Amino acid sequence: MPIYEYRCESCGFQKEHLQKMSDAPLATCPSCGKESYTKLLSAAGFQLKGSGWYATDFKGGSSKPAASSDSAPAAGCGGSCACHPS
């Protein structure tokens, strides 16, 4: 779920809120109660939960060796994509 940053235009109160992307933007300031609470434009923030690659992979000291640049292109792109400059 994304984390959105809001600021009240009336009192200056600022806070981050964890919301679903489908949730309507907040309008009422939790500090002063006025309808001047606006979403700020900031870097995208999100919170990872559950068991996934971020929680289980790359946690130890062992890692796979990096592929050499002489290797063949990935099977899906055929070598004609932006990741394989000519």
C-alpha atoms as a PDB file:
ATOM      1  CA  MET A   1       0.000   0.000   0.000  1.00  0.00           C
ATOM      2  CA  PRO A   2       1.316   3.447  -0.846  1.00  0.00           C
ATOM      3  CA  ILE A   3       2.194   5.988   1.804  1.00  0.00           C
ATOM      4  CA  TYR A   4       0.860   9.463   0.987  1.00  0.00           C
ATOM      5  CA  GLU A   5       2.000  12.706   2.574  1.00  0.00           C
ATOM      6  CA  TYR A   6      -0.602  15.357   3.459  1.00  0.00           C
ATOM      7  CA  ARG A   7      -0.385  18.937   4.735  1.00  0.00           C
ATOM      8  CA  CYS A   8      -3.089  21.233   6.090  1.00  0.00           C
ATOM      9  CA  GLU A   9      -3.162  24.615   4.351  1.00  0.00           C
ATOM     10  CA  SER A  10      -4.795  26.193   7.426  1.00  0.00           C
ATOM     11  CA  CYS A  11      -2.653  25.070  10.370  1.00  0.00           C
ATOM     12  CA  GLY A  12       0.413  23.573   8.646  1.00  0.00           C
ATOM     13  CA  PHE A  13      -0.064  20.095  10.184  1.00  0.00           C
ATOM     14  CA  GLN A  14       1.757  17.479   8.090  1.00  0.00           C
ATOM     15  CA  LYS A  15       1.550  13.683   8.273  1.00  0.00           C
ATOM     16  CA  GLU A  16       2.013  10.515   6.220  1.00  0.00           C
ATOM     17  CA  HIS A  17      -0.977   8.191   5.738  1.00  0.00           C
ATOM     18  CA  LEU A  18      -1.005   4.579   4.584  1.00  0.00           C
ATOM     19  CA  GLN A  19      -3.859   4.274   2.063  1.00  0.00           C
ATOM     20  CA  LYS A  20      -5.046   1.993  -0.684  1.00  0.00           C
ATOM     21  CA  MET A  21      -4.666   3.422  -4.180  1.00  0.00           C
ATOM     22  CA  SER A  22      -8.442   3.141  -4.566  1.00  0.00           C
ATOM     23  CA  ASP A  23      -9.142   5.193  -1.402  1.00  0.00           C
ATOM     24  CA  ALA A  24     -10.421   8.741  -1.844  1.00  0.00           C
ATOM     25  CA  PRO A  25      -7.946  11.481  -0.858  1.00  0.00           C
ATOM     26  CA  LEU A  26      -8.295  12.773   2.693  1.00  0.00           C
ATOM     27  CA  ALA A  27      -9.773  16.282   3.027  1.00  0.00           C
ATOM     28  CA  THR A  28     -10.301  16.889   6.754  1.00  0.00           C
ATOM     29  CA  CYS A  29      -7.255  17.851   8.831  1.00  0.00           C
ATOM     30  CA  PRO A  30      -6.909  15.565  11.874  1.00  0.00           C
ATOM     31  CA  SER A  31      -5.368  18.449  13.842  1.00  0.00           C
ATOM     32  CA  CYS A  32      -7.686  21.423  13.259  1.00  0.00           C
ATOM     33  CA  GLY A  33     -10.690  19.731  11.578  1.00  0.00           C
ATOM     34  CA  LYS A  34     -10.790  22.095   8.579  1.00  0.00           C
ATOM     35  CA  GLU A  35     -11.343  20.854   5.033  1.00  0.00           C
ATOM     36  CA  SER A  36      -7.943  22.084   3.827  1.00  0.00           C
ATOM     37  CA  TYR A  37      -5.917  18.858   4.084  1.00  0.00           C
ATOM     38  CA  THR A  38      -4.171  18.311   0.730  1.00  0.00           C
ATOM     39  CA  LYS A  39      -2.008  15.525  -0.642  1.00  0.00           C
ATOM     40  CA  LEU A  40       1.584  16.569  -1.324  1.00  0.00           C
ATOM     41  CA  LEU A  41       3.561  15.580  -4.368  1.00  0.00           C
ATOM     42  CA  SER A  42       6.501  13.565  -3.073  1.00  0.00           C
ATOM     43  CA  ALA A  43       8.610  10.558  -3.931  1.00  0.00           C
ATOM     44  CA  ALA A  44       6.641   7.363  -4.179  1.00  0.00           C
ATOM     45  CA  GLY A  45       6.536   5.471  -0.919  1.00  0.00           C
ATOM     46  CA  PHE A  46       5.272   1.996  -0.230  1.00  0.00           C
ATOM     47  CA  GLN A  47       5.435  -0.579   2.504  1.00  0.00           C
ATOM     48  CA  LEU A  48       6.317  -4.202   1.782  1.00  0.00           C
ATOM     49  CA  LYS A  49       4.555  -6.786   3.931  1.00  0.00           C
ATOM     50  CA  GLY A  50       4.430 -10.548   4.038  1.00  0.00           C
ATOM     51  CA  SER A  51       6.988 -13.099   2.943  1.00  0.00           C
ATOM     52  CA  GLY A  52       8.484 -12.310  -0.414  1.00  0.00           C
ATOM     53  CA  TRP A  53      11.820 -11.917  -2.130  1.00  0.00           C
ATOM     54  CA  TYR A  54      12.693  -8.847  -0.093  1.00  0.00           C
ATOM     55  CA  ALA A  55      12.312 -10.740   3.178  1.00  0.00           C
ATOM     56  CA  THR A  56      13.941 -14.006   2.182  1.00  0.00           C
ATOM     57  CA  ASP A  57      16.477 -13.280  -0.577  1.00  0.00           C
ATOM     58  CA  PHE A  58      19.754 -11.425  -0.275  1.00  0.00           C
ATOM     59  CA  LYS A  59      19.701 -11.539   3.543  1.00  0.00           C
ATOM     60  CA  GLY A  60      22.798 -13.678   3.983  1.00  0.00           C
ATOM     61  CA  GLY A  61      26.387 -13.100   2.986  1.00  0.00           C
ATOM     62  CA  SER A  62      26.149 -15.508   0.082  1.00  0.00           C
ATOM     63  CA  SER A  63      25.208 -14.261  -3.332  1.00  0.00           C
ATOM     64  CA  LYS A  64      25.281 -15.606  -6.848  1.00  0.00           C
ATOM     65  CA  PRO A  65      28.151 -14.394  -8.990  1.00  0.00           C
ATOM     66  CA  ALA A  66      27.215 -11.745 -11.535  1.00  0.00           C
ATOM     67  CA  ALA A  67      26.777 -12.894 -15.125  1.00  0.00           C
ATOM     68  CA  SER A  68      29.604 -11.875 -17.424  1.00  0.00           C
ATOM     69  CA  SER A  69      28.942  -9.272 -20.104  1.00  0.00           C
ATOM     70  CA  ASP A  70      30.019 -11.807 -22.752  1.00  0.00           C
ATOM     71  CA  SER A  71      26.995 -13.992 -22.083  1.00  0.00           C
ATOM     72  CA  ALA A  72      24.175 -14.434 -24.568  1.00  0.00           C
ATOM     73  CA  PRO A  73      21.165 -12.085 -24.359  1.00  0.00           C
ATOM     74  CA  ALA A  74      18.217 -13.037 -22.191  1.00  0.00           C
ATOM     75  CA  ALA A  75      15.829 -15.456 -23.880  1.00  0.00           C
ATOM     76  CA  GLY A  76      12.869 -13.072 -23.832  1.00  0.00           C
ATOM     77  CA  CYS A  77      14.381 -10.004 -25.513  1.00  0.00           C
ATOM     78  CA  GLY A  78      16.606 -11.498 -28.197  1.00  0.00           C
ATOM     79  CA  GLY A  79      19.241  -8.823 -27.628  1.00  0.00           C
ATOM     80  CA  SER A  80      17.375  -6.018 -29.462  1.00  0.00           C
ATOM     81  CA  CYS A  81      16.119  -4.159 -26.386  1.00  0.00           C
ATOM     82  CA  ALA A  82      17.496  -1.125 -24.536  1.00  0.00           C
ATOM     83  CA  CYS A  83      19.326  -3.325 -22.049  1.00  0.00           C
ATOM     84  CA  HIS A  84      21.551  -4.711 -24.832  1.00  0.00           C
ATOM     85  CA  PRO A  85      23.106  -1.721 -26.622  1.00  0.00           C
ATOM     86  CA  SER A  86      24.540  -2.455 -30.022  1.00  0.00           C
END
